[in-house]
N, C-alpha and C. Protein backbone atom coordinates (compact mmCIF):
# COMPACT_ATOMS: atom_id res chain seq x y z
N GLY A 1 0.60 -1.26 0.17
CA GLY A 1 -0.04 0.07 -0.01
C GLY A 1 0.65 1.05 -0.07
N GLN A 2 0.37 2.12 -1.16
CA GLN A 2 1.14 3.47 -0.90
C GLN A 2 0.18 4.60 -0.27
N CYS A 3 0.90 5.44 0.30
CA CYS A 3 0.08 6.78 0.93
C CYS A 3 0.25 7.75 -0.45
N LYS A 4 -0.82 8.77 -0.13
CA LYS A 4 -0.56 9.93 -1.20
C LYS A 4 0.75 10.71 -0.45
N LYS A 5 1.32 11.69 -1.47
CA LYS A 5 2.09 12.72 -1.25
C LYS A 5 1.67 13.31 -0.12
N THR A 6 2.97 13.56 0.91
CA THR A 6 2.77 14.11 2.26
C THR A 6 2.30 13.35 3.46
N TYR A 7 1.96 11.98 3.31
CA TYR A 7 1.83 10.89 4.11
C TYR A 7 2.87 9.89 3.83
N GLY A 8 3.07 9.19 5.13
CA GLY A 8 3.78 7.99 5.08
C GLY A 8 2.95 6.75 5.92
N LEU A 9 3.35 5.61 5.35
CA LEU A 9 2.84 4.11 5.88
C LEU A 9 3.68 3.83 6.81
N GLN A 10 3.44 4.17 8.47
CA GLN A 10 4.31 3.57 9.16
C GLN A 10 3.83 1.93 9.87
N ALA A 11 4.67 1.28 9.87
CA ALA A 11 4.25 -0.06 10.34
C ALA A 11 3.16 -0.67 9.41
N PHE A 12 3.21 -0.26 8.33
CA PHE A 12 2.44 -1.02 7.33
C PHE A 12 0.49 -0.77 7.78
N SER A 13 0.33 -0.21 8.47
CA SER A 13 -0.84 -0.10 9.17
C SER A 13 -1.75 0.95 8.26
N LYS A 14 -1.51 2.33 8.59
CA LYS A 14 -2.47 3.31 8.25
C LYS A 14 -1.54 4.53 7.76
N CYS A 15 -2.31 5.40 6.66
CA CYS A 15 -1.23 6.34 6.37
C CYS A 15 -1.26 7.46 7.59
N SER A 16 -0.15 8.16 7.54
CA SER A 16 -0.13 9.19 8.81
C SER A 16 0.44 10.55 7.87
N LYS A 17 -0.04 11.74 8.22
CA LYS A 17 0.36 12.87 7.72
C LYS A 17 2.05 13.31 7.98
N CYS A 18 2.97 13.45 7.04
CA CYS A 18 4.28 13.80 7.53
C CYS A 18 4.18 15.12 8.21
N ILE A 19 5.17 15.23 9.44
CA ILE A 19 5.60 16.25 10.14
C ILE A 19 6.06 17.20 9.39
N VAL A 20 7.18 16.84 8.80
CA VAL A 20 8.60 17.58 8.28
C VAL A 20 7.96 18.21 7.31
N ASP A 21 8.20 19.68 7.12
CA ASP A 21 7.76 20.36 6.12
C ASP A 21 8.55 19.91 4.38
N HIS A 22 7.62 20.15 3.65
CA HIS A 22 8.41 20.00 2.02
C HIS A 22 8.94 18.35 2.34
N CYS A 23 8.19 17.39 2.82
CA CYS A 23 8.38 16.37 2.79
C CYS A 23 7.07 15.47 2.17
N ASP A 24 7.88 14.58 0.95
CA ASP A 24 6.42 13.96 0.20
C ASP A 24 6.41 12.50 0.55
N THR A 25 7.08 11.61 1.16
CA THR A 25 7.00 10.25 1.74
C THR A 25 7.89 10.30 3.37
N CYS A 26 7.38 9.76 4.17
CA CYS A 26 7.63 9.44 5.60
C CYS A 26 7.28 8.05 6.06
N ASP A 27 7.60 7.05 5.35
CA ASP A 27 7.48 5.46 5.81
C ASP A 27 7.95 5.29 7.10
N THR A 28 9.19 5.97 7.59
CA THR A 28 9.87 5.79 8.75
C THR A 28 9.24 6.07 9.98
N SER A 29 8.68 7.39 10.01
CA SER A 29 8.18 7.88 10.83
C SER A 29 7.30 9.27 10.48
N PRO A 30 6.22 9.66 11.13
CA PRO A 30 5.92 11.14 10.60
C PRO A 30 7.02 12.35 11.06
N GLU A 31 7.68 11.97 12.07
CA GLU A 31 8.84 12.95 11.99
C GLU A 31 9.92 12.71 11.77
N ALA A 32 10.14 12.00 10.35
CA ALA A 32 11.67 11.22 9.65
C ALA A 32 11.07 11.27 8.01
N CYS A 33 11.74 12.25 7.30
CA CYS A 33 11.06 12.22 6.10
C CYS A 33 12.27 11.25 5.10
N ASP A 34 11.64 10.67 4.32
CA ASP A 34 12.24 9.54 3.05
C ASP A 34 12.58 10.32 2.25
N ALA A 35 11.56 10.79 1.50
CA ALA A 35 11.82 11.52 0.45
C ALA A 35 11.13 13.00 0.49
N CYS A 36 12.06 14.15 -0.16
CA CYS A 36 11.56 15.35 0.29
C CYS A 36 11.03 16.04 -1.28
N SER A 37 10.21 17.09 -1.29
CA SER A 37 9.28 17.73 -2.74
C SER A 37 10.25 18.09 -3.23
N GLU A 38 10.11 18.36 -4.67
CA GLU A 38 10.86 18.89 -5.88
C GLU A 38 11.86 20.21 -5.24
N GLY A 39 13.04 20.32 -5.22
CA GLY A 39 13.27 21.61 -4.99
C GLY A 39 13.71 21.54 -3.31
N PHE A 40 14.19 20.42 -2.74
CA PHE A 40 14.30 20.13 -1.43
C PHE A 40 15.23 18.98 -1.55
N GLY A 41 15.90 18.98 -0.58
CA GLY A 41 16.92 17.75 -0.29
C GLY A 41 17.04 17.26 1.17
N LEU A 42 17.25 15.99 1.29
CA LEU A 42 17.19 15.34 2.83
C LEU A 42 18.33 15.60 3.31
N THR A 43 18.28 15.88 4.73
CA THR A 43 19.40 16.36 5.62
C THR A 43 19.60 15.08 6.20
N PRO A 44 20.67 14.87 7.08
CA PRO A 44 21.14 13.82 7.52
C PRO A 44 20.36 13.41 8.96
N GLU A 45 19.63 14.46 9.30
CA GLU A 45 18.47 14.51 10.34
C GLU A 45 17.43 14.13 9.71
N LYS A 46 17.08 13.66 8.68
CA LYS A 46 15.91 13.41 7.89
C LYS A 46 14.78 14.58 8.11
N THR A 47 15.55 15.83 7.72
CA THR A 47 14.57 16.78 7.43
C THR A 47 14.78 17.31 5.85
N CYS A 48 13.98 18.24 5.69
CA CYS A 48 13.94 18.64 4.27
C CYS A 48 14.53 19.99 4.14
N GLU A 49 15.62 20.24 3.58
CA GLU A 49 16.01 21.91 3.08
C GLU A 49 16.00 21.96 1.64
N ALA A 50 16.20 23.41 1.42
CA ALA A 50 15.96 23.68 -0.16
C ALA A 50 17.18 23.58 -0.61
N CYS A 51 16.97 22.89 -1.84
CA CYS A 51 18.19 22.80 -3.02
C CYS A 51 19.08 24.35 -3.24
N ALA A 52 19.94 24.07 -3.91
CA ALA A 52 20.82 25.31 -4.23
C ALA A 52 20.03 26.14 -5.03
N ASP A 53 20.15 27.51 -5.45
CA ASP A 53 19.15 28.10 -6.17
C ASP A 53 18.80 27.58 -7.63
N SER A 54 19.85 27.32 -8.47
CA SER A 54 19.59 26.64 -9.74
C SER A 54 19.65 25.34 -9.96
N CYS A 55 19.23 24.56 -8.73
CA CYS A 55 18.76 23.07 -8.77
C CYS A 55 17.64 23.09 -8.37
N LYS A 56 17.03 22.18 -9.36
CA LYS A 56 15.72 21.42 -9.23
C LYS A 56 14.97 20.43 -8.48
N ARG A 57 16.03 19.62 -8.72
CA ARG A 57 15.92 18.31 -7.56
C ARG A 57 17.22 17.92 -7.14
N CYS A 58 17.26 17.66 -5.89
CA CYS A 58 18.57 17.56 -5.05
C CYS A 58 18.14 15.89 -4.24
N THR A 59 19.12 15.05 -4.17
CA THR A 59 18.94 14.16 -3.33
C THR A 59 18.94 14.24 -2.00
N ASP A 60 20.18 14.84 -1.87
CA ASP A 60 20.62 15.23 -0.73
C ASP A 60 21.01 16.97 -0.49
N VAL A 61 20.86 17.32 0.62
CA VAL A 61 21.43 18.84 0.65
C VAL A 61 22.89 18.88 0.12
N GLY A 62 23.40 19.67 -0.73
CA GLY A 62 24.52 19.99 -1.54
C GLY A 62 24.77 19.35 -2.74
N ASP A 63 23.62 18.14 -2.87
CA ASP A 63 23.90 17.05 -3.98
C ASP A 63 22.71 17.41 -5.15
N CYS A 64 23.22 18.09 -6.00
CA CYS A 64 21.76 18.25 -7.10
C CYS A 64 22.15 16.94 -8.07
N ALA A 65 20.64 16.65 -8.41
CA ALA A 65 20.41 15.74 -9.39
C ALA A 65 20.10 16.12 -10.78
N GLU A 66 19.38 17.50 -10.95
CA GLU A 66 18.61 18.09 -11.83
C GLU A 66 18.76 19.31 -11.62
N CYS A 67 19.38 20.04 -12.59
CA CYS A 67 19.02 21.40 -12.70
C CYS A 67 17.97 22.11 -13.27
N VAL A 68 17.85 23.43 -13.26
CA VAL A 68 16.72 23.84 -13.67
C VAL A 68 17.26 24.35 -15.16
N PRO A 69 16.22 24.94 -16.06
CA PRO A 69 16.83 25.04 -17.47
C PRO A 69 17.63 26.25 -17.19
N GLY A 70 18.65 25.84 -18.41
CA GLY A 70 19.75 27.25 -18.29
C GLY A 70 20.97 27.12 -17.47
N PHE A 71 20.92 25.85 -16.50
CA PHE A 71 22.10 25.38 -16.07
C PHE A 71 22.51 24.00 -16.52
N GLY A 72 23.73 23.62 -16.26
CA GLY A 72 24.17 22.13 -16.32
C GLY A 72 24.60 21.61 -15.21
N LEU A 73 24.44 19.91 -15.17
CA LEU A 73 24.89 19.30 -13.91
C LEU A 73 26.62 18.78 -13.78
N GLN A 74 27.22 19.43 -12.78
CA GLN A 74 28.50 18.39 -12.94
C GLN A 74 28.85 18.21 -11.44
N ASP A 75 29.17 17.00 -11.17
CA ASP A 75 29.49 16.48 -9.97
C ASP A 75 28.95 16.98 -8.56
N GLY A 76 26.97 17.06 -9.07
CA GLY A 76 26.33 17.23 -7.97
C GLY A 76 26.05 19.00 -7.81
N SER A 77 26.68 19.64 -8.56
CA SER A 77 26.43 21.09 -8.25
C SER A 77 25.74 21.50 -9.90
N CYS A 78 25.29 22.83 -9.96
CA CYS A 78 24.91 23.50 -11.20
C CYS A 78 25.60 24.69 -11.91
N PHE A 79 26.15 24.52 -12.76
CA PHE A 79 27.00 25.95 -13.59
C PHE A 79 26.00 26.40 -14.50
N ALA A 80 25.74 27.77 -14.80
CA ALA A 80 25.32 28.38 -15.90
C ALA A 80 25.76 28.31 -17.14
N CYS A 81 24.72 28.08 -17.85
CA CYS A 81 25.08 27.92 -19.11
C CYS A 81 25.29 29.52 -20.05
N ALA A 82 25.55 29.10 -21.40
CA ALA A 82 25.32 30.66 -22.06
C ALA A 82 23.96 31.08 -22.04
N ASP A 83 24.08 32.97 -22.16
CA ASP A 83 22.72 33.45 -22.24
C ASP A 83 21.88 32.75 -23.37
N GLN A 84 20.88 32.85 -23.10
CA GLN A 84 19.94 32.33 -23.66
C GLN A 84 19.65 31.00 -24.39
N CYS A 85 20.34 30.09 -23.31
CA CYS A 85 20.47 28.71 -23.55
C CYS A 85 19.66 27.80 -22.38
N GLY A 86 19.23 27.01 -23.10
CA GLY A 86 18.46 26.10 -21.86
C GLY A 86 19.24 24.82 -21.32
N GLN A 87 20.28 24.37 -22.15
CA GLN A 87 21.03 23.40 -21.80
C GLN A 87 22.44 23.07 -22.14
N CYS A 88 23.50 22.87 -21.18
CA CYS A 88 24.67 22.89 -21.76
C CYS A 88 25.78 21.84 -20.92
N GLU A 89 24.88 20.59 -20.92
CA GLU A 89 25.45 19.11 -19.99
C GLU A 89 26.69 19.28 -20.90
N VAL A 90 26.73 19.13 -22.35
CA VAL A 90 27.97 18.41 -23.06
C VAL A 90 29.22 19.70 -23.21
N ALA A 91 28.31 20.71 -23.21
CA ALA A 91 29.36 22.16 -23.79
C ALA A 91 30.06 22.87 -22.68
N GLY A 92 29.49 22.81 -21.43
CA GLY A 92 29.91 23.15 -20.35
C GLY A 92 29.71 24.61 -19.56
N PRO A 93 30.28 25.14 -18.85
CA PRO A 93 29.79 26.43 -18.43
C PRO A 93 30.00 27.46 -19.33
N GLY A 94 28.91 28.40 -19.47
CA GLY A 94 29.15 29.70 -20.19
C GLY A 94 29.08 29.25 -21.75
N ARG A 95 28.87 28.04 -21.94
CA ARG A 95 28.77 27.60 -23.61
C ARG A 95 27.01 26.98 -23.58
N CYS A 96 26.80 26.42 -24.69
CA CYS A 96 25.32 25.97 -24.86
C CYS A 96 25.72 24.74 -25.97
N ASP A 97 24.91 23.46 -25.67
CA ASP A 97 24.57 22.32 -26.32
C ASP A 97 24.22 22.66 -28.07
N VAL A 98 24.46 21.74 -28.66
CA VAL A 98 23.77 21.82 -29.75
C VAL A 98 22.13 21.93 -29.95
N ASP A 99 21.80 23.11 -30.91
CA ASP A 99 20.22 23.01 -30.74
C ASP A 99 19.56 23.65 -29.36
N CYS A 100 20.21 23.75 -28.50
CA CYS A 100 19.44 24.25 -27.01
C CYS A 100 19.43 26.05 -26.89
N CYS A 101 19.52 26.71 -28.00
CA CYS A 101 19.45 28.25 -27.73
C CYS A 101 17.93 28.40 -27.85
N TYR A 102 17.33 29.40 -26.75
CA TYR A 102 15.76 29.87 -26.86
C TYR A 102 15.48 30.16 -28.08
N GLN A 103 13.96 30.19 -28.33
CA GLN A 103 13.76 30.76 -29.52
C GLN A 103 13.83 31.78 -30.02
N GLY A 104 14.46 32.32 -31.35
CA GLY A 104 14.80 33.39 -31.67
C GLY A 104 16.05 33.66 -31.34
N TRP A 105 16.93 32.72 -31.03
CA TRP A 105 18.36 32.70 -30.85
C TRP A 105 18.76 31.31 -31.60
N ILE A 106 20.30 31.59 -32.29
CA ILE A 106 20.70 30.56 -32.98
C ILE A 106 21.92 30.42 -32.27
N GLY A 107 22.96 29.09 -32.46
CA GLY A 107 23.73 28.58 -32.08
C GLY A 107 24.98 28.94 -32.84
N LYS A 108 26.00 29.76 -32.41
CA LYS A 108 27.26 30.07 -33.10
C LYS A 108 28.31 29.31 -32.49
N GLU A 109 29.10 28.46 -33.33
CA GLU A 109 30.02 27.69 -32.68
C GLU A 109 31.34 28.40 -32.49
N VAL A 110 31.65 28.06 -31.10
CA VAL A 110 32.87 28.73 -30.65
C VAL A 110 34.08 27.67 -30.60
N PHE A 111 33.75 26.65 -30.18
CA PHE A 111 34.60 25.54 -30.26
C PHE A 111 33.77 24.20 -30.74
N GLU A 112 34.91 22.86 -31.04
CA GLU A 112 33.98 21.75 -31.28
C GLU A 112 32.69 21.51 -30.18
N ARG A 113 31.59 21.24 -30.90
CA ARG A 113 30.20 20.95 -30.01
C ARG A 113 30.18 21.98 -28.98
N SER A 114 30.66 23.17 -29.18
CA SER A 114 30.43 24.06 -27.98
C SER A 114 29.82 25.50 -28.66
N PHE A 115 28.63 26.14 -28.11
CA PHE A 115 28.17 27.09 -28.69
C PHE A 115 27.79 27.90 -28.05
N ILE A 116 27.57 29.53 -28.26
CA ILE A 116 26.93 30.49 -27.85
C ILE A 116 25.88 30.58 -28.44
N CYS A 117 24.94 31.69 -28.02
CA CYS A 117 23.80 31.77 -28.57
C CYS A 117 23.62 33.53 -28.95
N ILE A 118 23.17 33.38 -30.17
CA ILE A 118 23.29 34.74 -31.10
C ILE A 118 21.71 35.38 -31.41
N ARG A 119 21.27 36.35 -31.39
CA ARG A 119 20.22 36.60 -31.97
C ARG A 119 20.02 36.44 -33.51
N ASN A 120 18.63 35.49 -33.73
CA ASN A 120 18.81 35.00 -35.07
C ASN A 120 17.92 35.98 -36.16
N GLU A 121 18.71 36.84 -36.68
CA GLU A 121 18.37 37.87 -37.47
C GLU A 121 17.50 37.47 -38.48
N SER A 122 17.90 36.33 -38.92
CA SER A 122 16.81 36.09 -40.16
C SER A 122 15.58 35.91 -40.02
N ALA A 123 15.18 35.72 -38.74
CA ALA A 123 13.94 35.29 -38.04
C ALA A 123 12.86 36.45 -37.97
N GLU A 124 13.68 37.52 -37.86
CA GLU A 124 13.08 38.82 -37.72
C GLU A 124 12.15 39.36 -38.44
N VAL A 125 11.24 39.78 -38.69
CA VAL A 125 10.15 40.38 -39.41
C VAL A 125 10.23 41.88 -39.50
N HIS A 126 10.40 42.19 -41.29
CA HIS A 126 10.82 43.67 -41.57
C HIS A 126 9.53 44.07 -42.16
N GLY A 127 9.65 45.11 -41.46
CA GLY A 127 8.03 45.90 -41.94
C GLY A 127 8.18 47.18 -42.24
């Protein structure tokens, strides 16, 4: 039996509301979180703390598993991509992956498979 979010199944009998703020699952006990809500990470004390600003999902505090758009993930931390870029996992900090510039922007290759985003002049309507 699974409980709905913010509840836990202690002793496999009934679902109880989690007491820990930002906690999605508390099967161990209502006071001990097992899984935190998106944007929060689990502390050693089984509470939930906010992930770093650029982190969307962190497994533990200070260990990011997924970054927000515009940031890349490396060794549990998020780094900023190039301006107007949504993803830079391959290209690295301050750069942009292939075809990941936002709408109205195009990638300009600066190194092999590493781009910056520049305004797409040809897409603009002239009138």
